[in-house]
């Protein structure tokens, strides 16, 4: 399964009500799913999200993404591109935090 397919499956599960998080605006999430579905597999945002996630799972395990951004999408803003940018920012920020913590744990 490609990253895009996995991402779509997780979003669709959320839309159906049995995914990782409850959704406040199902119509907005449906628009996001359609937006992601139309993206090319080599879209830079998808490739960056996949790349960040390969290192530490910072995308799939990021509470800011899955418990704040996705559930509230469409409540204040319904811009799909903006949400993907924010998801990427959160995933990168989380990845940086993980790396900094690992560096601090290095001996000497």
PDB file of N, CA and C in Angstrom:
ATOM      1  N   UNK A   1       0.853  -1.173   0.000  1.00  0.00           N
ATOM      2  CA  UNK A   1       0.000   0.000   0.000  1.00  0.00           C
ATOM      3  C   UNK A   1       0.902   1.240   0.000  1.00  0.00           C
ATOM      4  N   UNK A   2       0.600   2.180  -0.864  1.00  0.00           N
ATOM      5  CA  UNK A   2       1.383   3.410  -0.931  1.00  0.00           C
ATOM      6  C   UNK A   2       0.998   4.326   0.232  1.00  0.00           C
ATOM      7  N   UNK A   3       1.834   5.318   0.479  1.00  0.00           N
ATOM      8  CA  UNK A   3       1.532   6.285   1.529  1.00  0.00           C
ATOM      9  C   UNK A   3       0.196   6.969   1.249  1.00  0.00           C
ATOM     10  N   UNK A   4      -0.025   7.364   0.002  1.00  0.00           N
ATOM     11  CA  UNK A   4      -1.268   8.046  -0.357  1.00  0.00           C
ATOM     12  C   UNK A   4      -2.467   7.150  -0.071  1.00  0.00           C
ATOM     13  N   UNK A   5      -2.386   5.880  -0.428  1.00  0.00           N
ATOM     14  CA  UNK A   5      -3.490   4.950  -0.181  1.00  0.00           C
ATOM     15  C   UNK A   5      -3.736   4.789   1.321  1.00  0.00           C
ATOM     16  N   UNK A   6      -2.650   4.696   2.076  1.00  0.00           N
ATOM     17  CA  UNK A   6      -2.769   4.564   3.527  1.00  0.00           C
ATOM     18  C   UNK A   6      -3.383   5.827   4.137  1.00  0.00           C
ATOM     19  N   UNK A   7      -2.951   6.987   3.666  1.00  0.00           N
ATOM     20  CA  UNK A   7      -3.478   8.267   4.124  1.00  0.00           C
ATOM     21  C   UNK A   7      -4.974   8.365   3.820  1.00  0.00           C
ATOM     22  N   UNK A   8      -5.355   8.039   2.602  1.00  0.00           N
ATOM     23  CA  UNK A   8      -6.764   8.077   2.221  1.00  0.00           C
ATOM     24  C   UNK A   8      -7.592   7.099   3.054  1.00  0.00           C
ATOM     25  N   UNK A   9      -7.070   5.901   3.271  1.00  0.00           N
ATOM     26  CA  UNK A   9      -7.798   4.911   4.066  1.00  0.00           C
ATOM     27  C   UNK A   9      -8.031   5.419   5.486  1.00  0.00           C
ATOM     28  N   UNK A  10      -7.018   6.034   6.080  1.00  0.00           N
ATOM     29  CA  UNK A  10      -7.167   6.552   7.446  1.00  0.00           C
ATOM     30  C   UNK A  10      -8.196   7.683   7.481  1.00  0.00           C
ATOM     31  N   UNK A  11      -8.129   8.597   6.507  1.00  0.00           N
ATOM     32  CA  UNK A  11      -9.104   9.696   6.454  1.00  0.00           C
ATOM     33  C   UNK A  11     -10.516   9.170   6.230  1.00  0.00           C
ATOM     34  N   UNK A  12     -10.656   8.188   5.359  1.00  0.00           N
ATOM     35  CA  UNK A  12     -11.977   7.612   5.090  1.00  0.00           C
ATOM     36  C   UNK A  12     -12.528   6.904   6.326  1.00  0.00           C
ATOM     37  N   UNK A  13     -11.663   6.228   7.081  1.00  0.00           N
ATOM     38  CA  UNK A  13     -12.104   5.611   8.335  1.00  0.00           C
ATOM     39  C   UNK A  13     -12.604   6.671   9.306  1.00  0.00           C
ATOM     40  N   UNK A  14     -11.897   7.794   9.396  1.00  0.00           N
ATOM     41  CA  UNK A  14     -12.337   8.893  10.263  1.00  0.00           C
ATOM     42  C   UNK A  14     -13.698   9.421   9.806  1.00  0.00           C
ATOM     43  N   UNK A  15     -13.872   9.533   8.511  1.00  0.00           N
ATOM     44  CA  UNK A  15     -15.136  10.027   7.963  1.00  0.00           C
ATOM     45  C   UNK A  15     -16.289   9.076   8.303  1.00  0.00           C
ATOM     46  N   UNK A  16     -16.010   7.781   8.280  1.00  0.00           N
ATOM     47  CA  UNK A  16     -17.045   6.778   8.580  1.00  0.00           C
ATOM     48  C   UNK A  16     -17.329   6.653  10.073  1.00  0.00           C
ATOM     49  N   UNK A  17     -16.483   7.284  10.894  1.00  0.00           N
ATOM     50  CA  UNK A  17     -16.732   7.270  12.324  1.00  0.00           C
ATOM     51  C   UNK A  17     -15.982   6.206  13.103  1.00  0.00           C
ATOM     52  N   UNK A  18     -15.125   5.435  12.455  1.00  0.00           N
ATOM     53  CA  UNK A  18     -14.368   4.432  13.206  1.00  0.00           C
ATOM     54  C   UNK A  18     -12.866   4.560  13.002  1.00  0.00           C
ATOM     55  N   UNK A  19     -12.449   5.739  12.649  1.00  0.00           N
ATOM     56  CA  UNK A  19     -11.029   6.003  12.472  1.00  0.00           C
ATOM     57  C   UNK A  19     -10.373   6.435  13.762  1.00  0.00           C
ATOM     58  N   UNK A  20      -9.194   6.988  13.621  1.00  0.00           N
ATOM     59  CA  UNK A  20      -8.384   7.371  14.779  1.00  0.00           C
ATOM     60  C   UNK A  20      -9.035   8.478  15.609  1.00  0.00           C
ATOM     61  N   UNK A  21      -9.802   9.346  14.964  1.00  0.00           N
ATOM     62  CA  UNK A  21     -10.342  10.505  15.667  1.00  0.00           C
ATOM     63  C   UNK A  21     -11.773  10.800  15.234  1.00  0.00           C
ATOM     64  N   UNK A  22     -12.563  11.423  16.123  1.00  0.00           N
ATOM     65  CA  UNK A  22     -13.895  11.891  15.725  1.00  0.00           C
ATOM     66  C   UNK A  22     -13.759  13.139  14.856  1.00  0.00           C
ATOM     67  N   UNK A  23     -14.706  13.344  13.989  1.00  0.00           N
ATOM     68  CA  UNK A  23     -14.649  14.461  13.044  1.00  0.00           C
ATOM     69  C   UNK A  23     -15.813  15.406  13.310  1.00  0.00           C
ATOM     70  N   UNK A  24     -15.514  16.708  13.395  1.00  0.00           N
ATOM     71  CA  UNK A  24     -16.551  17.698  13.666  1.00  0.00           C
ATOM     72  C   UNK A  24     -17.287  18.146  12.407  1.00  0.00           C
ATOM     73  N   UNK A  25     -16.615  18.116  11.257  1.00  0.00           N
ATOM     74  CA  UNK A  25     -17.228  18.571  10.008  1.00  0.00           C
ATOM     75  C   UNK A  25     -16.995  17.526   8.916  1.00  0.00           C
ATOM     76  N   UNK A  26     -17.881  16.524   8.827  1.00  0.00           N
ATOM     77  CA  UNK A  26     -17.694  15.454   7.845  1.00  0.00           C
ATOM     78  C   UNK A  26     -17.643  15.944   6.391  1.00  0.00           C
ATOM     79  N   UNK A  27     -18.392  16.984   6.065  1.00  0.00           N
ATOM     80  CA  UNK A  27     -18.376  17.501   4.688  1.00  0.00           C
ATOM     81  C   UNK A  27     -17.003  18.057   4.324  1.00  0.00           C
ATOM     82  N   UNK A  28     -16.374  18.746   5.248  1.00  0.00           N
ATOM     83  CA  UNK A  28     -15.035  19.283   4.995  1.00  0.00           C
ATOM     84  C   UNK A  28     -14.037  18.147   4.843  1.00  0.00           C
ATOM     85  N   UNK A  29     -14.148  17.124   5.682  1.00  0.00           N
ATOM     86  CA  UNK A  29     -13.231  15.992   5.575  1.00  0.00           C
ATOM     87  C   UNK A  29     -13.437  15.259   4.253  1.00  0.00           C
ATOM     88  N   UNK A  30     -14.672  15.158   3.795  1.00  0.00           N
ATOM     89  CA  UNK A  30     -14.943  14.535   2.491  1.00  0.00           C
ATOM     90  C   UNK A  30     -14.273  15.337   1.373  1.00  0.00           C
ATOM     91  N   UNK A  31     -14.276  16.667   1.475  1.00  0.00           N
ATOM     92  CA  UNK A  31     -13.583  17.502   0.485  1.00  0.00           C
ATOM     93  C   UNK A  31     -12.078  17.253   0.521  1.00  0.00           C
ATOM     94  N   UNK A  32     -11.531  17.113   1.745  1.00  0.00           N
ATOM     95  CA  UNK A  32     -10.103  16.822   1.880  1.00  0.00           C
ATOM     96  C   UNK A  32      -9.771  15.476   1.233  1.00  0.00           C
ATOM     97  N   UNK A  33     -10.579  14.479   1.464  1.00  0.00           N
ATOM     98  CA  UNK A  33     -10.350  13.155   0.869  1.00  0.00           C
ATOM     99  C   UNK A  33     -10.343  13.256  -0.645  1.00  0.00           C
ATOM    100  N   UNK A  34     -11.292  13.978  -1.199  1.00  0.00           N
ATOM    101  CA  UNK A  34     -11.339  14.163  -2.656  1.00  0.00           C
ATOM    102  C   UNK A  34     -10.104  14.916  -3.145  1.00  0.00           C
ATOM    103  N   UNK A  35      -9.680  15.920  -2.397  1.00  0.00           N
ATOM    104  CA  UNK A  35      -8.494  16.700  -2.747  1.00  0.00           C
ATOM    105  C   UNK A  35      -7.256  15.808  -2.783  1.00  0.00           C
ATOM    106  N   UNK A  36      -7.080  14.992  -1.744  1.00  0.00           N
ATOM    107  CA  UNK A  36      -5.923  14.095  -1.678  1.00  0.00           C
ATOM    108  C   UNK A  36      -6.006  13.048  -2.790  1.00  0.00           C
ATOM    109  N   UNK A  37      -7.177  12.531  -3.028  1.00  0.00           N
ATOM    110  CA  UNK A  37      -7.367  11.517  -4.081  1.00  0.00           C
ATOM    111  C   UNK A  37      -6.925  12.058  -5.449  1.00  0.00           C
ATOM    112  N   UNK A  38      -7.175  13.342  -5.703  1.00  0.00           N
ATOM    113  CA  UNK A  38      -6.815  13.942  -6.998  1.00  0.00           C
ATOM    114  C   UNK A  38      -5.338  14.325  -7.095  1.00  0.00           C
ATOM    115  N   UNK A  39      -4.621  14.309  -5.981  1.00  0.00           N
ATOM    116  CA  UNK A  39      -3.200  14.660  -5.997  1.00  0.00           C
ATOM    117  C   UNK A  39      -2.405  13.551  -6.694  1.00  0.00           C
ATOM    118  N   UNK A  40      -1.363  13.947  -7.378  1.00  0.00           N
ATOM    119  CA  UNK A  40      -0.501  12.938  -7.991  1.00  0.00           C
ATOM    120  C   UNK A  40       0.299  12.253  -6.885  1.00  0.00           C
ATOM    121  N   UNK A  41       0.686  11.019  -7.136  1.00  0.00           N
ATOM    122  CA  UNK A  41       1.433  10.267  -6.135  1.00  0.00           C
ATOM    123  C   UNK A  41       2.779  10.908  -5.810  1.00  0.00           C
ATOM    124  N   UNK A  42       3.299  11.698  -6.746  1.00  0.00           N
ATOM    125  CA  UNK A  42       4.597  12.334  -6.503  1.00  0.00           C
ATOM    126  C   UNK A  42       4.466  13.804  -6.090  1.00  0.00           C
ATOM    127  N   UNK A  43       3.290  14.204  -5.621  1.00  0.00           N
ATOM    128  CA  UNK A  43       3.097  15.557  -5.121  1.00  0.00           C
ATOM    129  C   UNK A  43       4.090  15.805  -3.985  1.00  0.00           C
ATOM    130  N   UNK A  44       4.756  16.962  -3.985  1.00  0.00           N
ATOM    131  CA  UNK A  44       5.775  17.241  -2.960  1.00  0.00           C
ATOM    132  C   UNK A  44       5.271  17.115  -1.523  1.00  0.00           C
ATOM    133  N   UNK A  45       4.029  17.536  -1.261  1.00  0.00           N
ATOM    134  CA  UNK A  45       3.507  17.440   0.108  1.00  0.00           C
ATOM    135  C   UNK A  45       3.378  15.987   0.549  1.00  0.00           C
ATOM    136  N   UNK A  46       2.833  15.149  -0.337  1.00  0.00           N
ATOM    137  CA  UNK A  46       2.699  13.736   0.012  1.00  0.00           C
ATOM    138  C   UNK A  46       4.061  13.079   0.181  1.00  0.00           C
ATOM    139  N   UNK A  47       4.987  13.413  -0.715  1.00  0.00           N
ATOM    140  CA  UNK A  47       6.329  12.835  -0.626  1.00  0.00           C
ATOM    141  C   UNK A  47       7.024  13.272   0.653  1.00  0.00           C
ATOM    142  N   UNK A  48       6.851  14.535   1.047  1.00  0.00           N
ATOM    143  CA  UNK A  48       7.471  15.022   2.284  1.00  0.00           C
ATOM    144  C   UNK A  48       6.843  14.363   3.509  1.00  0.00           C
ATOM    145  N   UNK A  49       5.515  14.241   3.527  1.00  0.00           N
ATOM    146  CA  UNK A  49       4.856  13.567   4.644  1.00  0.00           C
ATOM    147  C   UNK A  49       5.339  12.126   4.762  1.00  0.00           C
ATOM    148  N   UNK A  50       5.438  11.452   3.638  1.00  0.00           N
ATOM    149  CA  UNK A  50       5.916  10.074   3.635  1.00  0.00           C
ATOM    150  C   UNK A  50       7.361  10.006   4.118  1.00  0.00           C
ATOM    151  N   UNK A  51       8.184  10.922   3.650  1.00  0.00           N
ATOM    152  CA  UNK A  51       9.585  10.945   4.050  1.00  0.00           C
ATOM    153  C   UNK A  51       9.766  11.191   5.528  1.00  0.00           C
ATOM    154  N   UNK A  52       9.019  12.125   6.077  1.00  0.00           N
ATOM    155  CA  UNK A  52       9.103  12.417   7.505  1.00  0.00           C
ATOM    156  C   UNK A  52       8.649  11.195   8.294  1.00  0.00           C
ATOM    157  N   UNK A  53       7.603  10.550   7.827  1.00  0.00           N
ATOM    158  CA  UNK A  53       7.052   9.424   8.566  1.00  0.00           C
ATOM    159  C   UNK A  53       7.966   8.207   8.550  1.00  0.00           C
ATOM    160  N   UNK A  54       8.730   8.031   7.501  1.00  0.00           N
ATOM    161  CA  UNK A  54       9.588   6.856   7.411  1.00  0.00           C
ATOM    162  C   UNK A  54      10.607   6.802   8.527  1.00  0.00           C
ATOM    163  N   UNK A  55      11.046   7.942   9.009  1.00  0.00           N
ATOM    164  CA  UNK A  55      12.064   7.981  10.053  1.00  0.00           C
ATOM    165  C   UNK A  55      11.564   7.541  11.410  1.00  0.00           C
ATOM    166  N   UNK A  56      10.444   8.078  11.841  1.00  0.00           N
ATOM    167  CA  UNK A  56      10.028   7.815  13.221  1.00  0.00           C
ATOM    168  C   UNK A  56       8.522   7.662  13.405  1.00  0.00           C
ATOM    169  N   UNK A  57       7.777   7.677  12.357  1.00  0.00           N
ATOM    170  CA  UNK A  57       6.329   7.623  12.510  1.00  0.00           C
ATOM    171  C   UNK A  57       5.760   8.946  12.985  1.00  0.00           C
ATOM    172  N   UNK A  58       6.492  10.030  12.741  1.00  0.00           N
ATOM    173  CA  UNK A  58       6.089  11.339  13.240  1.00  0.00           C
ATOM    174  C   UNK A  58       4.778  11.841  12.640  1.00  0.00           C
ATOM    175  N   UNK A  59       4.377  11.294  11.514  1.00  0.00           N
ATOM    176  CA  UNK A  59       3.106  11.732  10.942  1.00  0.00           C
ATOM    177  C   UNK A  59       1.946  10.948  11.548  1.00  0.00           C
ATOM    178  N   UNK A  60       1.997   9.632  11.500  1.00  0.00           N
ATOM    179  CA  UNK A  60       0.878   8.819  11.974  1.00  0.00           C
ATOM    180  C   UNK A  60       0.699   8.902  13.480  1.00  0.00           C
ATOM    181  N   UNK A  61       1.771   9.192  14.201  1.00  0.00           N
ATOM    182  CA  UNK A  61       1.700   9.217  15.660  1.00  0.00           C
ATOM    183  C   UNK A  61       1.658  10.622  16.237  1.00  0.00           C
ATOM    184  N   UNK A  62       1.378  11.606  15.403  1.00  0.00           N
ATOM    185  CA  UNK A  62       1.426  12.998  15.854  1.00  0.00           C
ATOM    186  C   UNK A  62       0.058  13.449  16.376  1.00  0.00           C
ATOM    187  N   UNK A  63      -0.063  13.686  17.687  1.00  0.00           N
ATOM    188  CA  UNK A  63      -1.348  14.110  18.237  1.00  0.00           C
ATOM    189  C   UNK A  63      -1.830  15.448  17.691  1.00  0.00           C
ATOM    190  N   UNK A  64      -0.912  16.367  17.388  1.00  0.00           N
ATOM    191  CA  UNK A  64      -1.337  17.668  16.850  1.00  0.00           C
ATOM    192  C   UNK A  64      -2.041  17.491  15.516  1.00  0.00           C
ATOM    193  N   UNK A  65      -1.609  16.522  14.730  1.00  0.00           N
ATOM    194  CA  UNK A  65      -2.254  16.267  13.438  1.00  0.00           C
ATOM    195  C   UNK A  65      -3.572  15.531  13.647  1.00  0.00           C
ATOM    196  N   UNK A  66      -3.524  14.392  14.337  1.00  0.00           N
ATOM    197  CA  UNK A  66      -4.676  13.490  14.383  1.00  0.00           C
ATOM    198  C   UNK A  66      -5.689  13.818  15.457  1.00  0.00           C
ATOM    199  N   UNK A  67      -5.323  14.602  16.468  1.00  0.00           N
ATOM    200  CA  UNK A  67      -6.304  14.941  17.490  1.00  0.00           C
ATOM    201  C   UNK A  67      -6.682  16.412  17.482  1.00  0.00           C
ATOM    202  N   UNK A  68      -5.994  17.221  16.681  1.00  0.00           N
ATOM    203  CA  UNK A  68      -6.333  18.640  16.603  1.00  0.00           C
ATOM    204  C   UNK A  68      -6.696  19.052  15.179  1.00  0.00           C
ATOM    205  N   UNK A  69      -5.790  18.854  14.228  1.00  0.00           N
ATOM    206  CA  UNK A  69      -6.004  19.353  12.870  1.00  0.00           C
ATOM    207  C   UNK A  69      -7.119  18.602  12.129  1.00  0.00           C
ATOM    208  N   UNK A  70      -7.040  17.289  12.090  1.00  0.00           N
ATOM    209  CA  UNK A  70      -8.033  16.518  11.321  1.00  0.00           C
ATOM    210  C   UNK A  70      -9.437  16.655  11.899  1.00  0.00           C
ATOM    211  N   UNK A  71      -9.641  16.444  13.209  1.00  0.00           N
ATOM    212  CA  UNK A  71     -11.008  16.542  13.731  1.00  0.00           C
ATOM    213  C   UNK A  71     -11.636  17.914  13.554  1.00  0.00           C
ATOM    214  N   UNK A  72     -10.822  18.967  13.649  1.00  0.00           N
ATOM    215  CA  UNK A  72     -11.360  20.331  13.605  1.00  0.00           C
ATOM    216  C   UNK A  72     -11.369  20.916  12.197  1.00  0.00           C
ATOM    217  N   UNK A  73     -10.882  20.155  11.206  1.00  0.00           N
ATOM    218  CA  UNK A  73     -10.818  20.676   9.843  1.00  0.00           C
ATOM    219  C   UNK A  73     -12.221  21.054   9.367  1.00  0.00           C
ATOM    220  N   UNK A  74     -12.323  22.252   8.836  1.00  0.00           N
ATOM    221  CA  UNK A  74     -13.598  22.739   8.326  1.00  0.00           C
ATOM    222  C   UNK A  74     -14.374  23.556   9.332  1.00  0.00           C
ATOM    223  N   UNK A  75     -13.955  23.550  10.599  1.00  0.00           N
ATOM    224  CA  UNK A  75     -14.650  24.338  11.613  1.00  0.00           C
ATOM    225  C   UNK A  75     -14.285  25.811  11.450  1.00  0.00           C
ATOM    226  N   UNK A  76     -12.987  26.104  11.362  1.00  0.00           N
ATOM    227  CA  UNK A  76     -12.539  27.482  11.169  1.00  0.00           C
ATOM    228  C   UNK A  76     -12.114  27.720   9.719  1.00  0.00           C
ATOM    229  N   UNK A  77     -11.419  26.753   9.142  1.00  0.00           N
ATOM    230  CA  UNK A  77     -10.933  26.888   7.770  1.00  0.00           C
ATOM    231  C   UNK A  77     -11.139  25.577   7.040  1.00  0.00           C
ATOM    232  N   UNK A  78     -11.520  25.677   5.776  1.00  0.00           N
ATOM    233  CA  UNK A  78     -11.749  24.484   4.969  1.00  0.00           C
ATOM    234  C   UNK A  78     -10.792  24.395   3.800  1.00  0.00           C
ATOM    235  N   UNK A  79      -9.637  25.036   3.901  1.00  0.00           N
ATOM    236  CA  UNK A  79      -8.657  25.037   2.826  1.00  0.00           C
ATOM    237  C   UNK A  79      -7.818  23.769   2.904  1.00  0.00           C
ATOM    238  N   UNK A  80      -8.006  22.869   1.942  1.00  0.00           N
ATOM    239  CA  UNK A  80      -7.324  21.574   1.942  1.00  0.00           C
ATOM    240  C   UNK A  80      -5.811  21.715   1.822  1.00  0.00           C
ATOM    241  N   UNK A  81      -5.347  22.587   0.934  1.00  0.00           N
ATOM    242  CA  UNK A  81      -3.909  22.778   0.752  1.00  0.00           C
ATOM    243  C   UNK A  81      -3.289  23.323   2.037  1.00  0.00           C
ATOM    244  N   UNK A  82      -3.976  24.246   2.692  1.00  0.00           N
ATOM    245  CA  UNK A  82      -3.479  24.807   3.947  1.00  0.00           C
ATOM    246  C   UNK A  82      -3.388  23.726   5.025  1.00  0.00           C
ATOM    247  N   UNK A  83      -4.386  22.841   5.096  1.00  0.00           N
ATOM    248  CA  UNK A  83      -4.348  21.768   6.082  1.00  0.00           C
ATOM    249  C   UNK A  83      -3.164  20.842   5.831  1.00  0.00           C
ATOM    250  N   UNK A  84      -2.919  20.471   4.588  1.00  0.00           N
ATOM    251  CA  UNK A  84      -1.774  19.613   4.290  1.00  0.00           C
ATOM    252  C   UNK A  84      -0.465  20.293   4.660  1.00  0.00           C
ATOM    253  N   UNK A  85      -0.370  21.587   4.403  1.00  0.00           N
ATOM    254  CA  UNK A  85       0.831  22.330   4.797  1.00  0.00           C
ATOM    255  C   UNK A  85       1.007  22.308   6.315  1.00  0.00           C
ATOM    256  N   UNK A  86      -0.076  22.489   7.049  1.00  0.00           N
ATOM    257  CA  UNK A  86      -0.007  22.469   8.515  1.00  0.00           C
ATOM    258  C   UNK A  86       0.343  21.079   9.029  1.00  0.00           C
ATOM    259  N   UNK A  87      -0.204  20.033   8.375  1.00  0.00           N
ATOM    260  CA  UNK A  87       0.142  18.664   8.753  1.00  0.00           C
ATOM    261  C   UNK A  87       1.636  18.426   8.567  1.00  0.00           C
ATOM    262  N   UNK A  88       2.143  18.895   7.448  1.00  0.00           N
ATOM    263  CA  UNK A  88       3.566  18.733   7.161  1.00  0.00           C
ATOM    264  C   UNK A  88       4.407  19.512   8.175  1.00  0.00           C
ATOM    265  N   UNK A  89       4.014  20.742   8.472  1.00  0.00           N
ATOM    266  CA  UNK A  89       4.734  21.538   9.472  1.00  0.00           C
ATOM    267  C   UNK A  89       4.768  20.820  10.824  1.00  0.00           C
ATOM    268  N   UNK A  90       3.631  20.282  11.240  1.00  0.00           N
ATOM    269  CA  UNK A  90       3.560  19.576  12.524  1.00  0.00           C
ATOM    270  C   UNK A  90       4.433  18.323  12.507  1.00  0.00           C
ATOM    271  N   UNK A  91       4.379  17.567  11.413  1.00  0.00           N
ATOM    272  CA  UNK A  91       5.173  16.338  11.319  1.00  0.00           C
ATOM    273  C   UNK A  91       6.668  16.648  11.330  1.00  0.00           C
ATOM    274  N   UNK A  92       7.068  17.680  10.615  1.00  0.00           N
ATOM    275  CA  UNK A  92       8.487  18.068  10.594  1.00  0.00           C
ATOM    276  C   UNK A  92       8.917  18.561  11.969  1.00  0.00           C
ATOM    277  N   UNK A  93       8.102  19.370  12.597  1.00  0.00           N
ATOM    278  CA  UNK A  93       8.417  19.876  13.928  1.00  0.00           C
ATOM    279  C   UNK A  93       8.576  18.720  14.917  1.00  0.00           C
ATOM    280  N   UNK A  94       7.686  17.747  14.835  1.00  0.00           N
ATOM    281  CA  UNK A  94       7.759  16.588  15.711  1.00  0.00           C
ATOM    282  C   UNK A  94       9.025  15.779  15.433  1.00  0.00           C
ATOM    283  N   UNK A  95       9.357  15.631  14.165  1.00  0.00           N
ATOM    284  CA  UNK A  95      10.573  14.900  13.782  1.00  0.00           C
ATOM    285  C   UNK A  95      11.815  15.605  14.326  1.00  0.00           C
ATOM    286  N   UNK A  96      11.849  16.918  14.253  1.00  0.00           N
ATOM    287  CA  UNK A  96      12.972  17.691  14.792  1.00  0.00           C
ATOM    288  C   UNK A  96      13.077  17.474  16.304  1.00  0.00           C
ATOM    289  N   UNK A  97      11.935  17.488  16.995  1.00  0.00           N
ATOM    290  CA  UNK A  97      11.946  17.249  18.442  1.00  0.00           C
ATOM    291  C   UNK A  97      12.519  15.872  18.770  1.00  0.00           C
ATOM    292  N   UNK A  98      12.135  14.862  17.994  1.00  0.00           N
ATOM    293  CA  UNK A  98      12.639  13.501  18.204  1.00  0.00           C
ATOM    294  C   UNK A  98      14.148  13.462  17.995  1.00  0.00           C
ATOM    295  N   UNK A  99      14.608  14.081  16.927  1.00  0.00           N
ATOM    296  CA  UNK A  99      16.045  14.095  16.646  1.00  0.00           C
ATOM    297  C   UNK A  99      16.824  14.833  17.732  1.00  0.00           C
ATOM    298  N   UNK A 100      16.311  15.967  18.198  1.00  0.00           N
ATOM    299  CA  UNK A 100      16.976  16.711  19.266  1.00  0.00           C
ATOM    300  C   UNK A 100      17.071  15.879  20.541  1.00  0.00           C
ATOM    301  N   UNK A 101      16.004  15.145  20.843  1.00  0.00           N
ATOM    302  CA  UNK A 101      16.006  14.304  22.027  1.00  0.00           C
ATOM    303  C   UNK A 101      17.045  13.185  21.874  1.00  0.00           C
ATOM    304  N   UNK A 102      17.125  12.595  20.702  1.00  0.00           N
ATOM    305  CA  UNK A 102      18.109  11.536  20.463  1.00  0.00           C
ATOM    306  C   UNK A 102      19.533  12.082  20.559  1.00  0.00           C
ATOM    307  N   UNK A 103      19.759  13.283  20.078  1.00  0.00           N
ATOM    308  CA  UNK A 103      21.087  13.895  20.159  1.00  0.00           C
ATOM    309  C   UNK A 103      21.472  14.136  21.611  1.00  0.00           C
ATOM    310  N   UNK A 104      20.526  14.617  22.416  1.00  0.00           N
ATOM    311  CA  UNK A 104      20.809  14.858  23.829  1.00  0.00           C
ATOM    312  C   UNK A 104      21.153  13.577  24.576  1.00  0.00           C
ATOM    313  N   UNK A 105      20.616  12.456  24.101  1.00  0.00           N
ATOM    314  CA  UNK A 105      20.867  11.179  24.766  1.00  0.00           C
ATOM    315  C   UNK A 105      22.183  10.531  24.344  1.00  0.00           C
ATOM    316  N   UNK A 106      22.843  11.096  23.335  1.00  0.00           N
ATOM    317  CA  UNK A 106      24.118  10.542  22.895  1.00  0.00           C
ATOM    318  C   UNK A 106      25.164  10.747  23.990  1.00  0.00           C
ATOM    319  N   UNK A 107      26.044   9.774  24.142  1.00  0.00           N
ATOM    320  CA  UNK A 107      27.080   9.936  25.160  1.00  0.00           C
ATOM    321  C   UNK A 107      28.065  11.047  24.779  1.00  0.00           C
ATOM    322  N   UNK A 108      28.534  11.756  25.786  1.00  0.00           N
ATOM    323  CA  UNK A 108      29.570  12.769  25.605  1.00  0.00           C
ATOM    324  C   UNK A 108      29.107  13.933  24.885  1.00  0.00           C
TER     325      UNK A 108
END
